[in-house]
């Protein structure tokens, strides 16, 4: 589907796309063209007549493309096209979106079940320590940490480091996490080992300036 045709679709009328679906459509394993077509069907309701010519005219694309989208979405178990009897006892093809609704419901429940409680939510914790609301950019940075498999516990340790040193910005925390990652530190236990090692070195009168909570990671030399 060409971009000019997509623009025409939106010029012709409104297609309502819930923000949650827009943000999570990639979980459905569909591309943008399939997503636009699926949202077109979504706006038609549920259990509506399969009208190839109407779809083609509304979207301004070939019937061949429509059939390809229908085939792909059917294979991915997002829609069904079934032959049912209408009120006049006449058989007709109907588009059913029940599978799509079920998948979206599943994703929603899964997100709710995996949402940390208020006490452990890393976003809220950082806002509390920084004394301000996180900007969208800052939230994306934190999301990137989590998506990189950095645990919330490890982020909390880096936050403690930053707070102890009076630094309230994510760049500082990001550098700490980067250095820890470079040194193979992946868990709180790893951090504790570093802390104990440094404390032991201090007890032996070894001059160091890298205690876990009193070390400027940003000034570390390679």
C-alpha atoms as a PDB file:
ATOM      1  CA  UNK A   1       0.000   0.000   0.000  1.00  0.00           C
ATOM      2  CA  UNK A   2       1.582   3.285  -1.083  1.00  0.00           C
ATOM      3  CA  UNK A   3       1.894   6.189   1.337  1.00  0.00           C
ATOM      4  CA  UNK A   4      -0.197   8.459  -0.923  1.00  0.00           C
ATOM      5  CA  UNK A   5      -3.063   5.976  -0.684  1.00  0.00           C
ATOM      6  CA  UNK A   6      -2.730   5.903   3.077  1.00  0.00           C
ATOM      7  CA  UNK A   7      -3.047   9.684   3.136  1.00  0.00           C
ATOM      8  CA  UNK A   8      -6.164   9.493   0.978  1.00  0.00           C
ATOM      9  CA  UNK A   9      -7.713   7.041   3.409  1.00  0.00           C
ATOM     10  CA  UNK A  10      -7.440   9.513   6.262  1.00  0.00           C
ATOM     11  CA  UNK A  11      -8.646  12.399   4.087  1.00  0.00           C
ATOM     12  CA  UNK A  12     -11.820  10.532   3.201  1.00  0.00           C
ATOM     13  CA  UNK A  13     -12.949  10.146   6.801  1.00  0.00           C
ATOM     14  CA  UNK A  14     -12.003   9.158  10.306  1.00  0.00           C
ATOM     15  CA  UNK A  15     -10.520   5.829  11.227  1.00  0.00           C
ATOM     16  CA  UNK A  16     -10.447   5.488  15.006  1.00  0.00           C
ATOM     17  CA  UNK A  17      -7.366   3.730  16.313  1.00  0.00           C
ATOM     18  CA  UNK A  18      -7.119   3.198  20.096  1.00  0.00           C
ATOM     19  CA  UNK A  19      -3.721   4.330  21.361  1.00  0.00           C
ATOM     20  CA  UNK A  20      -3.153   1.016  23.143  1.00  0.00           C
ATOM     21  CA  UNK A  21      -3.635  -0.925  19.907  1.00  0.00           C
ATOM     22  CA  UNK A  22      -1.418   1.498  18.002  1.00  0.00           C
ATOM     23  CA  UNK A  23       1.390   1.077  20.538  1.00  0.00           C
ATOM     24  CA  UNK A  24       1.104  -2.703  20.595  1.00  0.00           C
ATOM     25  CA  UNK A  25       0.199  -3.685  17.040  1.00  0.00           C
ATOM     26  CA  UNK A  26       3.668  -5.156  16.436  1.00  0.00           C
ATOM     27  CA  UNK A  27       2.834  -7.827  18.996  1.00  0.00           C
ATOM     28  CA  UNK A  28       0.301  -9.061  16.462  1.00  0.00           C
ATOM     29  CA  UNK A  29       3.156  -9.814  14.038  1.00  0.00           C
ATOM     30  CA  UNK A  30       1.673  -7.685  11.289  1.00  0.00           C
ATOM     31  CA  UNK A  31       3.172  -4.955   9.133  1.00  0.00           C
ATOM     32  CA  UNK A  32       1.867  -1.406   8.841  1.00  0.00           C
ATOM     33  CA  UNK A  33      -0.225  -2.079   5.727  1.00  0.00           C
ATOM     34  CA  UNK A  34      -1.947  -5.009   7.418  1.00  0.00           C
ATOM     35  CA  UNK A  35      -2.428  -2.904  10.517  1.00  0.00           C
ATOM     36  CA  UNK A  36      -4.151  -0.116   8.559  1.00  0.00           C
ATOM     37  CA  UNK A  37      -6.434  -2.640   6.867  1.00  0.00           C
ATOM     38  CA  UNK A  38      -7.197  -4.319  10.195  1.00  0.00           C
ATOM     39  CA  UNK A  39      -8.075  -0.944  11.731  1.00  0.00           C
ATOM     40  CA  UNK A  40     -10.361  -0.278   8.769  1.00  0.00           C
ATOM     41  CA  UNK A  41     -12.163  -3.543   9.508  1.00  0.00           C
ATOM     42  CA  UNK A  42     -12.174  -2.717  13.226  1.00  0.00           C
ATOM     43  CA  UNK A  43     -14.045   0.494  12.470  1.00  0.00           C
ATOM     44  CA  UNK A  44     -16.697  -1.446  10.565  1.00  0.00           C
ATOM     45  CA  UNK A  45     -17.642  -3.294  13.743  1.00  0.00           C
ATOM     46  CA  UNK A  46     -17.970  -7.060  14.067  1.00  0.00           C
ATOM     47  CA  UNK A  47     -19.754  -9.745  12.062  1.00  0.00           C
ATOM     48  CA  UNK A  48     -20.182  -7.561   8.993  1.00  0.00           C
ATOM     49  CA  UNK A  49     -20.625  -8.542   5.373  1.00  0.00           C
ATOM     50  CA  UNK A  50     -17.506  -9.433   3.449  1.00  0.00           C
ATOM     51  CA  UNK A  51     -17.775  -6.980   0.563  1.00  0.00           C
ATOM     52  CA  UNK A  52     -14.603  -7.091  -1.493  1.00  0.00           C
ATOM     53  CA  UNK A  53     -15.618  -4.235  -3.788  1.00  0.00           C
ATOM     54  CA  UNK A  54     -16.599  -1.991  -0.885  1.00  0.00           C
ATOM     55  CA  UNK A  55     -13.278  -2.611   0.848  1.00  0.00           C
ATOM     56  CA  UNK A  56     -11.421  -1.883  -2.380  1.00  0.00           C
ATOM     57  CA  UNK A  57     -13.362   1.323  -3.070  1.00  0.00           C
ATOM     58  CA  UNK A  58     -13.115   2.597   0.517  1.00  0.00           C
ATOM     59  CA  UNK A  59      -9.370   2.064   0.673  1.00  0.00           C
ATOM     60  CA  UNK A  60      -8.575   2.831  -2.927  1.00  0.00           C
ATOM     61  CA  UNK A  61      -6.516  -0.312  -3.434  1.00  0.00           C
ATOM     62  CA  UNK A  62      -6.822  -3.347  -5.697  1.00  0.00           C
ATOM     63  CA  UNK A  63      -9.022  -6.262  -4.745  1.00  0.00           C
ATOM     64  CA  UNK A  64      -5.942  -8.462  -5.112  1.00  0.00           C
ATOM     65  CA  UNK A  65      -4.268  -6.564  -2.274  1.00  0.00           C
ATOM     66  CA  UNK A  66      -7.418  -6.826  -0.182  1.00  0.00           C
ATOM     67  CA  UNK A  67      -7.445 -10.598  -0.634  1.00  0.00           C
ATOM     68  CA  UNK A  68      -3.777 -10.776   0.346  1.00  0.00           C
ATOM     69  CA  UNK A  69      -4.459  -8.829   3.561  1.00  0.00           C
ATOM     70  CA  UNK A  70      -7.455 -11.009   4.373  1.00  0.00           C
ATOM     71  CA  UNK A  71      -5.433 -14.159   3.765  1.00  0.00           C
ATOM     72  CA  UNK A  72      -2.548 -12.934   5.938  1.00  0.00           C
ATOM     73  CA  UNK A  73      -4.769 -11.783   8.812  1.00  0.00           C
ATOM     74  CA  UNK A  74      -6.677 -15.049   8.660  1.00  0.00           C
ATOM     75  CA  UNK A  75      -3.478 -17.092   8.777  1.00  0.00           C
ATOM     76  CA  UNK A  76      -2.362 -15.056  11.796  1.00  0.00           C
ATOM     77  CA  UNK A  77      -5.718 -15.831  13.467  1.00  0.00           C
ATOM     78  CA  UNK A  78      -6.777 -12.202  13.747  1.00  0.00           C
ATOM     79  CA  UNK A  79      -9.920 -12.403  11.627  1.00  0.00           C
ATOM     80  CA  UNK A  80     -12.288 -15.038  10.283  1.00  0.00           C
ATOM     81  CA  UNK A  81     -14.394 -15.075   7.143  1.00  0.00           C
ATOM     82  CA  UNK A  82     -17.293 -17.472   7.588  1.00  0.00           C
ATOM     83  CA  UNK A  83     -20.424 -18.299   5.617  1.00  0.00           C
ATOM     84  CA  UNK A  84     -23.508 -17.671   7.743  1.00  0.00           C
ATOM     85  CA  UNK A  85     -27.246 -17.307   7.228  1.00  0.00           C
ATOM     86  CA  UNK A  86     -28.623 -13.795   7.458  1.00  0.00           C
ATOM     87  CA  UNK A  87     -32.062 -12.772   8.714  1.00  0.00           C
ATOM     88  CA  UNK A  88     -33.562 -13.733   5.375  1.00  0.00           C
ATOM     89  CA  UNK A  89     -32.066 -17.209   5.604  1.00  0.00           C
ATOM     90  CA  UNK A  90     -29.634 -16.397   2.810  1.00  0.00           C
ATOM     91  CA  UNK A  91     -26.040 -17.587   3.030  1.00  0.00           C
ATOM     92  CA  UNK A  92     -23.445 -14.833   2.963  1.00  0.00           C
ATOM     93  CA  UNK A  93     -19.767 -14.315   3.828  1.00  0.00           C
ATOM     94  CA  UNK A  94     -19.209 -12.471   7.089  1.00  0.00           C
ATOM     95  CA  UNK A  95     -16.038 -11.013   8.629  1.00  0.00           C
ATOM     96  CA  UNK A  96     -15.619 -11.873  12.319  1.00  0.00           C
ATOM     97  CA  UNK A  97     -13.092 -10.047  14.517  1.00  0.00           C
ATOM     98  CA  UNK A  98     -13.537 -12.067  17.722  1.00  0.00           C
ATOM     99  CA  UNK A  99      -9.998 -13.487  17.496  1.00  0.00           C
ATOM    100  CA  UNK A 100      -8.554  -9.988  17.213  1.00  0.00           C
ATOM    101  CA  UNK A 101     -10.472  -8.799  20.280  1.00  0.00           C
ATOM    102  CA  UNK A 102      -9.325 -11.843  22.245  1.00  0.00           C
ATOM    103  CA  UNK A 103      -5.676 -11.202  21.405  1.00  0.00           C
ATOM    104  CA  UNK A 104      -5.896  -7.555  22.407  1.00  0.00           C
ATOM    105  CA  UNK A 105      -7.606  -8.579  25.654  1.00  0.00           C
ATOM    106  CA  UNK A 106      -4.828 -11.102  26.286  1.00  0.00           C
ATOM    107  CA  UNK A 107      -2.122  -8.471  25.770  1.00  0.00           C
ATOM    108  CA  UNK A 108      -3.952  -6.078  28.095  1.00  0.00           C
ATOM    109  CA  UNK A 109      -4.273  -8.659  30.874  1.00  0.00           C
ATOM    110  CA  UNK A 110      -0.644  -9.677  30.405  1.00  0.00           C
ATOM    111  CA  UNK A 111       0.493  -6.050  30.717  1.00  0.00           C
ATOM    112  CA  UNK A 112      -1.583  -5.585  33.870  1.00  0.00           C
ATOM    113  CA  UNK A 113      -0.191  -8.761  35.454  1.00  0.00           C
ATOM    114  CA  UNK A 114       3.365  -7.686  34.677  1.00  0.00           C
ATOM    115  CA  UNK A 115       2.963  -4.115  35.923  1.00  0.00           C
ATOM    116  CA  UNK A 116       5.031  -3.641  39.089  1.00  0.00           C
ATOM    117  CA  UNK A 117       3.234  -2.508  42.222  1.00  0.00           C
ATOM    118  CA  UNK A 118       3.473   1.116  43.290  1.00  0.00           C
ATOM    119  CA  UNK A 119       6.127   0.201  45.870  1.00  0.00           C
ATOM    120  CA  UNK A 120       8.467  -1.372  43.297  1.00  0.00           C
ATOM    121  CA  UNK A 121       7.709   0.678  40.184  1.00  0.00           C
ATOM    122  CA  UNK A 122      11.104   1.949  39.070  1.00  0.00           C
ATOM    123  CA  UNK A 123       9.597   4.957  37.299  1.00  0.00           C
ATOM    124  CA  UNK A 124       7.840   6.160  40.433  1.00  0.00           C
ATOM    125  CA  UNK A 125      10.893   5.447  42.564  1.00  0.00           C
ATOM    126  CA  UNK A 126      13.144   7.577  40.373  1.00  0.00           C
ATOM    127  CA  UNK A 127      10.567  10.379  40.323  1.00  0.00           C
ATOM    128  CA  UNK A 128      10.445  10.258  44.120  1.00  0.00           C
ATOM    129  CA  UNK A 129      14.244  10.372  44.488  1.00  0.00           C
ATOM    130  CA  UNK A 130      14.656  13.128  41.872  1.00  0.00           C
ATOM    131  CA  UNK A 131      11.724  15.100  43.271  1.00  0.00           C
ATOM    132  CA  UNK A 132      10.207  15.710  39.850  1.00  0.00           C
ATOM    133  CA  UNK A 133       8.043  14.137  37.172  1.00  0.00           C
ATOM    134  CA  UNK A 134       9.968  12.226  34.532  1.00  0.00           C
ATOM    135  CA  UNK A 135       9.872  13.620  31.024  1.00  0.00           C
ATOM    136  CA  UNK A 136       8.813  11.377  28.099  1.00  0.00           C
ATOM    137  CA  UNK A 137      12.466  11.186  27.024  1.00  0.00           C
ATOM    138  CA  UNK A 138      13.561  10.106  30.504  1.00  0.00           C
ATOM    139  CA  UNK A 139      10.863   7.441  30.579  1.00  0.00           C
ATOM    140  CA  UNK A 140      12.100   6.110  27.230  1.00  0.00           C
ATOM    141  CA  UNK A 141      15.648   5.895  28.631  1.00  0.00           C
ATOM    142  CA  UNK A 142      14.422   3.835  31.590  1.00  0.00           C
ATOM    143  CA  UNK A 143      12.389   1.619  29.254  1.00  0.00           C
ATOM    144  CA  UNK A 144      15.535   1.070  27.192  1.00  0.00           C
ATOM    145  CA  UNK A 145      17.368  -0.129  30.321  1.00  0.00           C
ATOM    146  CA  UNK A 146      14.618  -2.603  31.121  1.00  0.00           C
ATOM    147  CA  UNK A 147      14.428  -3.803  27.522  1.00  0.00           C
ATOM    148  CA  UNK A 148      18.190  -4.395  27.685  1.00  0.00           C
ATOM    149  CA  UNK A 149      17.516  -6.884  30.502  1.00  0.00           C
ATOM    150  CA  UNK A 150      18.884  -4.609  33.210  1.00  0.00           C
ATOM    151  CA  UNK A 151      16.943  -5.550  36.325  1.00  0.00           C
ATOM    152  CA  UNK A 152      14.993  -3.032  38.378  1.00  0.00           C
ATOM    153  CA  UNK A 153      17.088  -4.024  41.383  1.00  0.00           C
ATOM    154  CA  UNK A 154      20.293  -3.089  39.575  1.00  0.00           C
ATOM    155  CA  UNK A 155      18.781   0.218  38.460  1.00  0.00           C
ATOM    156  CA  UNK A 156      17.842   0.877  42.094  1.00  0.00           C
ATOM    157  CA  UNK A 157      21.461   0.320  43.145  1.00  0.00           C
ATOM    158  CA  UNK A 158      22.637   2.790  40.498  1.00  0.00           C
ATOM    159  CA  UNK A 159      19.968   5.224  41.706  1.00  0.00           C
ATOM    160  CA  UNK A 160      21.294   4.886  45.266  1.00  0.00           C
ATOM    161  CA  UNK A 161      24.757   5.706  43.961  1.00  0.00           C
ATOM    162  CA  UNK A 162      23.513   8.803  42.169  1.00  0.00           C
ATOM    163  CA  UNK A 163      21.408   9.959  45.126  1.00  0.00           C
ATOM    164  CA  UNK A 164      24.283   9.472  47.566  1.00  0.00           C
ATOM    165  CA  UNK A 165      26.519  11.619  45.390  1.00  0.00           C
ATOM    166  CA  UNK A 166      23.864  14.300  45.037  1.00  0.00           C
ATOM    167  CA  UNK A 167      23.348  13.725  41.310  1.00  0.00           C
ATOM    168  CA  UNK A 168      19.766  13.739  40.045  1.00  0.00           C
ATOM    169  CA  UNK A 169      19.973  12.961  36.373  1.00  0.00           C
ATOM    170  CA  UNK A 170      19.647   9.826  34.274  1.00  0.00           C
ATOM    171  CA  UNK A 171      22.898  10.416  32.401  1.00  0.00           C
ATOM    172  CA  UNK A 172      24.813   9.707  35.595  1.00  0.00           C
ATOM    173  CA  UNK A 173      22.809   6.548  36.261  1.00  0.00           C
ATOM    174  CA  UNK A 174      23.198   5.481  32.646  1.00  0.00           C
ATOM    175  CA  UNK A 175      26.976   5.782  32.936  1.00  0.00           C
ATOM    176  CA  UNK A 176      26.985   3.714  36.119  1.00  0.00           C
ATOM    177  CA  UNK A 177      24.945   0.988  34.462  1.00  0.00           C
ATOM    178  CA  UNK A 178      27.205   1.089  31.422  1.00  0.00           C
ATOM    179  CA  UNK A 179      30.344   0.681  33.546  1.00  0.00           C
ATOM    180  CA  UNK A 180      28.765  -2.108  35.557  1.00  0.00           C
ATOM    181  CA  UNK A 181      27.777  -3.860  32.364  1.00  0.00           C
ATOM    182  CA  UNK A 182      31.307  -3.480  31.016  1.00  0.00           C
ATOM    183  CA  UNK A 183      32.667  -5.082  34.189  1.00  0.00           C
ATOM    184  CA  UNK A 184      30.144  -7.937  34.089  1.00  0.00           C
ATOM    185  CA  UNK A 185      28.043  -6.669  36.998  1.00  0.00           C
ATOM    186  CA  UNK A 186      24.524  -7.975  36.392  1.00  0.00           C
ATOM    187  CA  UNK A 187      22.983  -8.514  39.812  1.00  0.00           C
ATOM    188  CA  UNK A 188      22.791  -6.854  43.220  1.00  0.00           C
ATOM    189  CA  UNK A 189      24.964  -9.708  44.477  1.00  0.00           C
ATOM    190  CA  UNK A 190      27.668  -8.623  42.035  1.00  0.00           C
ATOM    191  CA  UNK A 191      27.445  -5.090  43.398  1.00  0.00           C
ATOM    192  CA  UNK A 192      27.765  -6.392  46.949  1.00  0.00           C
ATOM    193  CA  UNK A 193      30.906  -8.299  45.977  1.00  0.00           C
ATOM    194  CA  UNK A 194      32.452  -5.114  44.631  1.00  0.00           C
ATOM    195  CA  UNK A 195      31.475  -3.263  47.792  1.00  0.00           C
ATOM    196  CA  UNK A 196      32.980  -5.903  50.069  1.00  0.00           C
ATOM    197  CA  UNK A 197      36.144  -6.041  47.984  1.00  0.00           C
ATOM    198  CA  UNK A 198      36.625  -2.307  48.205  1.00  0.00           C
ATOM    199  CA  UNK A 199      35.856  -2.193  51.919  1.00  0.00           C
ATOM    200  CA  UNK A 200      38.419  -4.936  52.467  1.00  0.00           C
ATOM    201  CA  UNK A 201      40.999  -2.990  50.493  1.00  0.00           C
ATOM    202  CA  UNK A 202      40.338   0.085  52.636  1.00  0.00           C
ATOM    203  CA  UNK A 203      40.774  -1.987  55.799  1.00  0.00           C
ATOM    204  CA  UNK A 204      44.201  -2.979  54.486  1.00  0.00           C
ATOM    205  CA  UNK A 205      45.092   0.708  54.044  1.00  0.00           C
ATOM    206  CA  UNK A 206      45.033   0.491  50.272  1.00  0.00           C
ATOM    207  CA  UNK A 207      44.302   3.963  48.930  1.00  0.00           C
ATOM    208  CA  UNK A 208      41.314   3.838  46.592  1.00  0.00           C
ATOM    209  CA  UNK A 209      38.551   6.234  45.647  1.00  0.00           C
ATOM    210  CA  UNK A 210      36.067   3.824  44.200  1.00  0.00           C
ATOM    211  CA  UNK A 211      33.744   2.719  47.017  1.00  0.00           C
ATOM    212  CA  UNK A 212      30.407   1.743  45.568  1.00  0.00           C
ATOM    213  CA  UNK A 213      28.544   4.662  47.118  1.00  0.00           C
ATOM    214  CA  UNK A 214      31.323   7.211  46.929  1.00  0.00           C
ATOM    215  CA  UNK A 215      32.726   6.779  43.472  1.00  0.00           C
ATOM    216  CA  UNK A 216      32.306   9.123  40.549  1.00  0.00           C
ATOM    217  CA  UNK A 217      31.787   6.664  37.737  1.00  0.00           C
ATOM    218  CA  UNK A 218      31.801   9.511  35.229  1.00  0.00           C
ATOM    219  CA  UNK A 219      35.444  10.274  36.002  1.00  0.00           C
ATOM    220  CA  UNK A 220      36.610   6.671  35.748  1.00  0.00           C
ATOM    221  CA  UNK A 221      39.660   6.159  33.566  1.00  0.00           C
ATOM    222  CA  UNK A 222      39.713   3.422  30.992  1.00  0.00           C
END
